[in-house]
Amino acid sequence: MQAKVYVTPKAGVLDPAGKATERALHSLGFVGVHDVRLGRYITMEIDGDPADVTARVDDMCRQLLANGVIEDYRFELAESSEQ
């Protein structure tokens, strides 16, 4: 299966990279852009049945991929196209 994981800063958590990107967009003339938040997008192939893969990806996110104090995460699973 293919897992797509999205990790983003929690609401209310300072995001300096997002602010810097927002300022850069404004300096390039992209007005009306605000509240820019940067995160990570992770893809991986995982062997196993869907229920097992769901639990494993959730464990991976909680233990390593996302910092639960300052980040939220969500993930999507899809059948791998490499079968």
PDB file of N, CA and C in Angstrom:
ATOM      1  N   MET A   1       0.838  -1.177   0.000  1.00  0.00           N
ATOM      2  CA  MET A   1       0.000   0.000   0.000  1.00  0.00           C
ATOM      3  C   MET A   1       0.883   1.240   0.000  1.00  0.00           C
ATOM      4  N   GLN A   2       0.333   2.299  -0.508  1.00  0.00           N
ATOM      5  CA  GLN A   2       1.034   3.580  -0.472  1.00  0.00           C
ATOM      6  C   GLN A   2       0.402   4.445   0.610  1.00  0.00           C
ATOM      7  N   ALA A   3       1.237   5.036   1.460  1.00  0.00           N
ATOM      8  CA  ALA A   3       0.774   5.972   2.482  1.00  0.00           C
ATOM      9  C   ALA A   3       1.253   7.367   2.111  1.00  0.00           C
ATOM     10  N   LYS A   4       0.343   8.323   2.219  1.00  0.00           N
ATOM     11  CA  LYS A   4       0.675   9.732   2.036  1.00  0.00           C
ATOM     12  C   LYS A   4       0.411  10.406   3.376  1.00  0.00           C
ATOM     13  N   VAL A   5       1.459  10.970   3.966  1.00  0.00           N
ATOM     14  CA  VAL A   5       1.369  11.576   5.292  1.00  0.00           C
ATOM     15  C   VAL A   5       1.576  13.082   5.165  1.00  0.00           C
ATOM     16  N   TYR A   6       0.695  13.845   5.802  1.00  0.00           N
ATOM     17  CA  TYR A   6       0.769  15.304   5.808  1.00  0.00           C
ATOM     18  C   TYR A   6       0.985  15.755   7.250  1.00  0.00           C
ATOM     19  N   VAL A   7       2.076  16.477   7.506  1.00  0.00           N
ATOM     20  CA  VAL A   7       2.399  16.971   8.837  1.00  0.00           C
ATOM     21  C   VAL A   7       2.404  18.499   8.765  1.00  0.00           C
ATOM     22  N   THR A   8       1.627  19.141   9.651  1.00  0.00           N
ATOM     23  CA  THR A   8       1.516  20.600   9.636  1.00  0.00           C
ATOM     24  C   THR A   8       1.596  21.146  11.062  1.00  0.00           C
ATOM     25  N   PRO A   9       2.030  22.391  11.200  1.00  0.00           N
ATOM     26  CA  PRO A   9       2.048  22.993  12.532  1.00  0.00           C
ATOM     27  C   PRO A   9       0.616  23.116  13.074  1.00  0.00           C
ATOM     28  N   LYS A  10       0.465  22.909  14.370  1.00  0.00           N
ATOM     29  CA  LYS A  10      -0.849  23.082  14.989  1.00  0.00           C
ATOM     30  C   LYS A  10      -1.242  24.551  14.931  1.00  0.00           C
ATOM     31  N   ALA A  11      -2.541  24.801  14.918  1.00  0.00           N
ATOM     32  CA  ALA A  11      -3.034  26.178  14.958  1.00  0.00           C
ATOM     33  C   ALA A  11      -2.503  26.845  16.215  1.00  0.00           C
ATOM     34  N   GLY A  12      -2.065  28.066  16.085  1.00  0.00           N
ATOM     35  CA  GLY A  12      -1.558  28.810  17.227  1.00  0.00           C
ATOM     36  C   GLY A  12      -0.077  28.625  17.489  1.00  0.00           C
ATOM     37  N   VAL A  13       0.562  27.685  16.811  1.00  0.00           N
ATOM     38  CA  VAL A  13       1.998  27.469  16.976  1.00  0.00           C
ATOM     39  C   VAL A  13       2.740  28.368  15.984  1.00  0.00           C
ATOM     40  N   LEU A  14       3.739  29.072  16.481  1.00  0.00           N
ATOM     41  CA  LEU A  14       4.532  29.958  15.635  1.00  0.00           C
ATOM     42  C   LEU A  14       5.163  29.166  14.494  1.00  0.00           C
ATOM     43  N   ASP A  15       5.059  29.700  13.277  1.00  0.00           N
ATOM     44  CA  ASP A  15       5.623  29.052  12.095  1.00  0.00           C
ATOM     45  C   ASP A  15       6.528  30.065  11.379  1.00  0.00           C
ATOM     46  N   PRO A  16       7.782  30.214  11.809  1.00  0.00           N
ATOM     47  CA  PRO A  16       8.669  31.206  11.197  1.00  0.00           C
ATOM     48  C   PRO A  16       8.886  30.991   9.702  1.00  0.00           C
ATOM     49  N   ALA A  17       8.977  29.733   9.278  1.00  0.00           N
ATOM     50  CA  ALA A  17       9.177  29.467   7.844  1.00  0.00           C
ATOM     51  C   ALA A  17       7.948  29.900   7.045  1.00  0.00           C
ATOM     52  N   GLY A  18       6.776  29.677   7.607  1.00  0.00           N
ATOM     53  CA  GLY A  18       5.542  30.113   6.946  1.00  0.00           C
ATOM     54  C   GLY A  18       5.494  31.627   6.822  1.00  0.00           C
ATOM     55  N   LYS A  19       5.882  32.335   7.891  1.00  0.00           N
ATOM     56  CA  LYS A  19       5.901  33.806   7.860  1.00  0.00           C
ATOM     57  C   LYS A  19       6.902  34.319   6.832  1.00  0.00           C
ATOM     58  N   ALA A  20       8.072  33.695   6.775  1.00  0.00           N
ATOM     59  CA  ALA A  20       9.085  34.112   5.802  1.00  0.00           C
ATOM     60  C   ALA A  20       8.579  33.887   4.375  1.00  0.00           C
ATOM     61  N   THR A  21       7.911  32.778   4.161  1.00  0.00           N
ATOM     62  CA  THR A  21       7.349  32.491   2.829  1.00  0.00           C
ATOM     63  C   THR A  21       6.264  33.503   2.485  1.00  0.00           C
ATOM     64  N   GLU A  22       5.434  33.836   3.458  1.00  0.00           N
ATOM     65  CA  GLU A  22       4.383  34.835   3.237  1.00  0.00           C
ATOM     66  C   GLU A  22       4.983  36.182   2.850  1.00  0.00           C
ATOM     67  N   ARG A  23       6.030  36.610   3.572  1.00  0.00           N
ATOM     68  CA  ARG A  23       6.691  37.880   3.235  1.00  0.00           C
ATOM     69  C   ARG A  23       7.298  37.829   1.831  1.00  0.00           C
ATOM     70  N   ALA A  24       7.908  36.696   1.483  1.00  0.00           N
ATOM     71  CA  ALA A  24       8.501  36.557   0.151  1.00  0.00           C
ATOM     72  C   ALA A  24       7.435  36.626  -0.934  1.00  0.00           C
ATOM     73  N   LEU A  25       6.297  35.980  -0.696  1.00  0.00           N
ATOM     74  CA  LEU A  25       5.204  36.042  -1.671  1.00  0.00           C
ATOM     75  C   LEU A  25       4.714  37.479  -1.847  1.00  0.00           C
ATOM     76  N   HIS A  26       4.584  38.217  -0.741  1.00  0.00           N
ATOM     77  CA  HIS A  26       4.165  39.616  -0.831  1.00  0.00           C
ATOM     78  C   HIS A  26       5.178  40.435  -1.609  1.00  0.00           C
ATOM     79  N   SER A  27       6.472  40.187  -1.366  1.00  0.00           N
ATOM     80  CA  SER A  27       7.502  40.957  -2.066  1.00  0.00           C
ATOM     81  C   SER A  27       7.513  40.658  -3.561  1.00  0.00           C
ATOM     82  N   LEU A  28       6.995  39.493  -3.934  1.00  0.00           N
ATOM     83  CA  LEU A  28       6.902  39.137  -5.359  1.00  0.00           C
ATOM     84  C   LEU A  28       5.603  39.621  -5.993  1.00  0.00           C
ATOM     85  N   GLY A  29       4.788  40.318  -5.203  1.00  0.00           N
ATOM     86  CA  GLY A  29       3.562  40.886  -5.741  1.00  0.00           C
ATOM     87  C   GLY A  29       2.321  40.032  -5.545  1.00  0.00           C
ATOM     88  N   PHE A  30       2.416  38.954  -4.819  1.00  0.00           N
ATOM     89  CA  PHE A  30       1.248  38.107  -4.568  1.00  0.00           C
ATOM     90  C   PHE A  30       0.519  38.629  -3.340  1.00  0.00           C
ATOM     91  N   VAL A  31      -0.381  39.583  -3.588  1.00  0.00           N
ATOM     92  CA  VAL A  31      -1.114  40.203  -2.485  1.00  0.00           C
ATOM     93  C   VAL A  31      -2.325  39.347  -2.125  1.00  0.00           C
ATOM     94  N   GLY A  32      -2.843  39.560  -0.958  1.00  0.00           N
ATOM     95  CA  GLY A  32      -4.015  38.817  -0.519  1.00  0.00           C
ATOM     96  C   GLY A  32      -3.676  37.433   0.030  1.00  0.00           C
ATOM     97  N   VAL A  33      -2.397  37.132   0.157  1.00  0.00           N
ATOM     98  CA  VAL A  33      -1.966  35.844   0.711  1.00  0.00           C
ATOM     99  C   VAL A  33      -1.677  36.056   2.190  1.00  0.00           C
ATOM    100  N   HIS A  34      -2.249  35.213   3.031  1.00  0.00           N
ATOM    101  CA  HIS A  34      -1.993  35.354   4.465  1.00  0.00           C
ATOM    102  C   HIS A  34      -2.119  34.003   5.164  1.00  0.00           C
ATOM    103  N   ASP A  35      -1.626  33.963   6.381  1.00  0.00           N
ATOM    104  CA  ASP A  35      -1.658  32.744   7.203  1.00  0.00           C
ATOM    105  C   ASP A  35      -0.992  31.553   6.508  1.00  0.00           C
ATOM    106  N   VAL A  36       0.178  31.788   5.921  1.00  0.00           N
ATOM    107  CA  VAL A  36       0.917  30.713   5.254  1.00  0.00           C
ATOM    108  C   VAL A  36       1.499  29.793   6.322  1.00  0.00           C
ATOM    109  N   ARG A  37       1.276  28.501   6.174  1.00  0.00           N
ATOM    110  CA  ARG A  37       1.794  27.486   7.088  1.00  0.00           C
ATOM    111  C   ARG A  37       2.542  26.458   6.254  1.00  0.00           C
ATOM    112  N   LEU A  38       3.750  26.121   6.665  1.00  0.00           N
ATOM    113  CA  LEU A  38       4.529  25.124   5.951  1.00  0.00           C
ATOM    114  C   LEU A  38       4.543  23.826   6.741  1.00  0.00           C
ATOM    115  N   GLY A  39       4.548  22.732   6.017  1.00  0.00           N
ATOM    116  CA  GLY A  39       4.592  21.428   6.654  1.00  0.00           C
ATOM    117  C   GLY A  39       5.418  20.476   5.816  1.00  0.00           C
ATOM    118  N   ARG A  40       5.185  19.193   6.053  1.00  0.00           N
ATOM    119  CA  ARG A  40       5.911  18.159   5.320  1.00  0.00           C
ATOM    120  C   ARG A  40       4.913  17.200   4.676  1.00  0.00           C
ATOM    121  N   TYR A  41       5.329  16.656   3.549  1.00  0.00           N
ATOM    122  CA  TYR A  41       4.560  15.651   2.828  1.00  0.00           C
ATOM    123  C   TYR A  41       5.463  14.442   2.669  1.00  0.00           C
ATOM    124  N   ILE A  42       5.024  13.306   3.159  1.00  0.00           N
ATOM    125  CA  ILE A  42       5.849  12.095   3.160  1.00  0.00           C
ATOM    126  C   ILE A  42       5.083  10.989   2.450  1.00  0.00           C
ATOM    127  N   THR A  43       5.730  10.280   1.541  1.00  0.00           N
ATOM    128  CA  THR A  43       5.111   9.115   0.915  1.00  0.00           C
ATOM    129  C   THR A  43       5.958   7.893   1.232  1.00  0.00           C
ATOM    130  N   MET A  44       5.288   6.762   1.343  1.00  0.00           N
ATOM    131  CA  MET A  44       6.002   5.509   1.584  1.00  0.00           C
ATOM    132  C   MET A  44       5.166   4.336   1.123  1.00  0.00           C
ATOM    133  N   GLU A  45       5.833   3.276   0.748  1.00  0.00           N
ATOM    134  CA  GLU A  45       5.191   2.011   0.400  1.00  0.00           C
ATOM    135  C   GLU A  45       5.295   1.094   1.602  1.00  0.00           C
ATOM    136  N   ILE A  46       4.198   0.464   1.973  1.00  0.00           N
ATOM    137  CA  ILE A  46       4.171  -0.407   3.153  1.00  0.00           C
ATOM    138  C   ILE A  46       3.442  -1.691   2.792  1.00  0.00           C
ATOM    139  N   ASP A  47       4.036  -2.807   3.131  1.00  0.00           N
ATOM    140  CA  ASP A  47       3.411  -4.106   2.905  1.00  0.00           C
ATOM    141  C   ASP A  47       2.472  -4.433   4.059  1.00  0.00           C
ATOM    142  N   GLY A  48       1.360  -5.095   3.752  1.00  0.00           N
ATOM    143  CA  GLY A  48       0.443  -5.550   4.787  1.00  0.00           C
ATOM    144  C   GLY A  48      -0.997  -5.305   4.410  1.00  0.00           C
ATOM    145  N   ASP A  49      -1.899  -5.823   5.256  1.00  0.00           N
ATOM    146  CA  ASP A  49      -3.323  -5.601   4.997  1.00  0.00           C
ATOM    147  C   ASP A  49      -3.689  -4.193   5.482  1.00  0.00           C
ATOM    148  N   PRO A  50      -4.775  -3.623   4.934  1.00  0.00           N
ATOM    149  CA  PRO A  50      -5.127  -2.232   5.234  1.00  0.00           C
ATOM    150  C   PRO A  50      -5.251  -1.900   6.721  1.00  0.00           C
ATOM    151  N   ALA A  51      -5.860  -2.775   7.511  1.00  0.00           N
ATOM    152  CA  ALA A  51      -6.027  -2.481   8.947  1.00  0.00           C
ATOM    153  C   ALA A  51      -4.674  -2.412   9.637  1.00  0.00           C
ATOM    154  N   ASP A  52      -3.777  -3.341   9.305  1.00  0.00           N
ATOM    155  CA  ASP A  52      -2.445  -3.353   9.895  1.00  0.00           C
ATOM    156  C   ASP A  52      -1.656  -2.131   9.460  1.00  0.00           C
ATOM    157  N   VAL A  53      -1.725  -1.792   8.180  1.00  0.00           N
ATOM    158  CA  VAL A  53      -0.986  -0.642   7.659  1.00  0.00           C
ATOM    159  C   VAL A  53      -1.488   0.640   8.315  1.00  0.00           C
ATOM    160  N   THR A  54      -2.783   0.777   8.490  1.00  0.00           N
ATOM    161  CA  THR A  54      -3.341   1.970   9.139  1.00  0.00           C
ATOM    162  C   THR A  54      -2.764   2.138  10.532  1.00  0.00           C
ATOM    163  N   ALA A  55      -2.754   1.074  11.316  1.00  0.00           N
ATOM    164  CA  ALA A  55      -2.216   1.145  12.676  1.00  0.00           C
ATOM    165  C   ALA A  55      -0.726   1.453  12.668  1.00  0.00           C
ATOM    166  N   ARG A  56       0.009   0.851  11.740  1.00  0.00           N
ATOM    167  CA  ARG A  56       1.459   1.066  11.678  1.00  0.00           C
ATOM    168  C   ARG A  56       1.785   2.500  11.287  1.00  0.00           C
ATOM    169  N   VAL A  57       1.075   3.048  10.299  1.00  0.00           N
ATOM    170  CA  VAL A  57       1.340   4.430   9.882  1.00  0.00           C
ATOM    171  C   VAL A  57       1.003   5.391  11.022  1.00  0.00           C
ATOM    172  N   ASP A  58      -0.095   5.153  11.716  1.00  0.00           N
ATOM    173  CA  ASP A  58      -0.448   6.005  12.848  1.00  0.00           C
ATOM    174  C   ASP A  58       0.651   5.962  13.907  1.00  0.00           C
ATOM    175  N   ASP A  59       1.164   4.774  14.203  1.00  0.00           N
ATOM    176  CA  ASP A  59       2.268   4.639  15.159  1.00  0.00           C
ATOM    177  C   ASP A  59       3.506   5.391  14.681  1.00  0.00           C
ATOM    178  N   MET A  60       3.829   5.283  13.388  1.00  0.00           N
ATOM    179  CA  MET A  60       4.987   5.985  12.837  1.00  0.00           C
ATOM    180  C   MET A  60       4.844   7.495  13.022  1.00  0.00           C
ATOM    181  N   CYS A  61       3.646   7.996  12.756  1.00  0.00           N
ATOM    182  CA  CYS A  61       3.406   9.436  12.885  1.00  0.00           C
ATOM    183  C   CYS A  61       3.566   9.885  14.334  1.00  0.00           C
ATOM    184  N   ARG A  62       2.973   9.142  15.255  1.00  0.00           N
ATOM    185  CA  ARG A  62       3.039   9.515  16.667  1.00  0.00           C
ATOM    186  C   ARG A  62       4.450   9.395  17.229  1.00  0.00           C
ATOM    187  N   GLN A  63       5.212   8.404  16.792  1.00  0.00           N
ATOM    188  CA  GLN A  63       6.525   8.160  17.370  1.00  0.00           C
ATOM    189  C   GLN A  63       7.676   8.917  16.708  1.00  0.00           C
ATOM    190  N   LEU A  64       7.533   9.227  15.411  1.00  0.00           N
ATOM    191  CA  LEU A  64       8.670   9.816  14.704  1.00  0.00           C
ATOM    192  C   LEU A  64       8.317  10.941  13.741  1.00  0.00           C
ATOM    193  N   LEU A  65       7.342  10.745  12.909  1.00  0.00           N
ATOM    194  CA  LEU A  65       7.116  11.665  11.790  1.00  0.00           C
ATOM    195  C   LEU A  65       6.529  13.008  12.199  1.00  0.00           C
ATOM    196  N   ALA A  66       5.775  13.058  13.294  1.00  0.00           N
ATOM    197  CA  ALA A  66       5.172  14.313  13.744  1.00  0.00           C
ATOM    198  C   ALA A  66       5.465  14.513  15.229  1.00  0.00           C
ATOM    199  N   ASN A  67       5.707  15.747  15.600  1.00  0.00           N
ATOM    200  CA  ASN A  67       5.877  16.105  17.006  1.00  0.00           C
ATOM    201  C   ASN A  67       4.488  16.479  17.531  1.00  0.00           C
ATOM    202  N   GLY A  68       3.879  15.595  18.312  1.00  0.00           N
ATOM    203  CA  GLY A  68       2.511  15.779  18.780  1.00  0.00           C
ATOM    204  C   GLY A  68       2.272  17.036  19.585  1.00  0.00           C
ATOM    205  N   VAL A  69       3.325  17.642  20.118  1.00  0.00           N
ATOM    206  CA  VAL A  69       3.176  18.858  20.904  1.00  0.00           C
ATOM    207  C   VAL A  69       2.881  20.052  20.006  1.00  0.00           C
ATOM    208  N   ILE A  70       3.537  20.105  18.855  1.00  0.00           N
ATOM    209  CA  ILE A  70       3.412  21.299  18.001  1.00  0.00           C
ATOM    210  C   ILE A  70       2.889  21.007  16.599  1.00  0.00           C
ATOM    211  N   GLU A  71       2.687  19.725  16.251  1.00  0.00           N
ATOM    212  CA  GLU A  71       2.265  19.394  14.888  1.00  0.00           C
ATOM    213  C   GLU A  71       1.045  18.477  14.884  1.00  0.00           C
ATOM    214  N   ASP A  72       0.245  18.648  13.846  1.00  0.00           N
ATOM    215  CA  ASP A  72      -0.854  17.736  13.546  1.00  0.00           C
ATOM    216  C   ASP A  72      -0.440  16.881  12.360  1.00  0.00           C
ATOM    217  N   TYR A  73      -1.092  15.737  12.215  1.00  0.00           N
ATOM    218  CA  TYR A  73      -0.833  14.911  11.048  1.00  0.00           C
ATOM    219  C   TYR A  73      -2.125  14.252  10.588  1.00  0.00           C
ATOM    220  N   ARG A  74      -2.103  13.899   9.333  1.00  0.00           N
ATOM    221  CA  ARG A  74      -3.172  13.084   8.756  1.00  0.00           C
ATOM    222  C   ARG A  74      -2.521  12.255   7.667  1.00  0.00           C
ATOM    223  N   PHE A  75      -3.176  11.150   7.319  1.00  0.00           N
ATOM    224  CA  PHE A  75      -2.608  10.331   6.255  1.00  0.00           C
ATOM    225  C   PHE A  75      -3.716   9.679   5.452  1.00  0.00           C
ATOM    226  N   GLU A  76      -3.329   9.305   4.243  1.00  0.00           N
ATOM    227  CA  GLU A  76      -4.224   8.623   3.308  1.00  0.00           C
ATOM    228  C   GLU A  76      -3.524   7.350   2.862  1.00  0.00           C
ATOM    229  N   LEU A  77      -4.303   6.305   2.691  1.00  0.00           N
ATOM    230  CA  LEU A  77      -3.758   5.039   2.184  1.00  0.00           C
ATOM    231  C   LEU A  77      -4.415   4.720   0.853  1.00  0.00           C
ATOM    232  N   ALA A  78      -3.636   4.164  -0.058  1.00  0.00           N
ATOM    233  CA  ALA A  78      -4.157   3.761  -1.361  1.00  0.00           C
ATOM    234  C   ALA A  78      -3.421   2.484  -1.785  1.00  0.00           C
ATOM    235  N   GLU A  79      -4.063   1.704  -2.591  1.00  0.00           N
ATOM    236  CA  GLU A  79      -3.403   0.533  -3.142  1.00  0.00           C
ATOM    237  C   GLU A  79      -2.201   0.989  -3.950  1.00  0.00           C
ATOM    238  N   SER A  80      -1.116   0.303  -3.798  1.00  0.00           N
ATOM    239  CA  SER A  80       0.099   0.638  -4.528  1.00  0.00           C
ATOM    240  C   SER A  80      -0.080   0.337  -6.003  1.00  0.00           C
ATOM    241  N   SER A  81       0.491   1.181  -6.833  1.00  0.00           N
ATOM    242  CA  SER A  81       0.409   0.956  -8.282  1.00  0.00           C
ATOM    243  C   SER A  81       1.511   0.027  -8.760  1.00  0.00           C
ATOM    244  N   GLU A  82       2.397  -0.400  -7.863  1.00  0.00           N
ATOM    245  CA  GLU A  82       3.528  -1.245  -8.242  1.00  0.00           C
ATOM    246  C   GLU A  82       3.243  -2.731  -7.976  1.00  0.00           C
ATOM    247  N   GLN A  83       2.074  -3.212  -8.288  1.00  0.00           N
ATOM    248  CA  GLN A  83       1.769  -4.616  -8.011  1.00  0.00           C
ATOM    249  C   GLN A  83       1.693  -5.424  -9.260  1.00  0.00           C
TER     250      GLN A  83
END
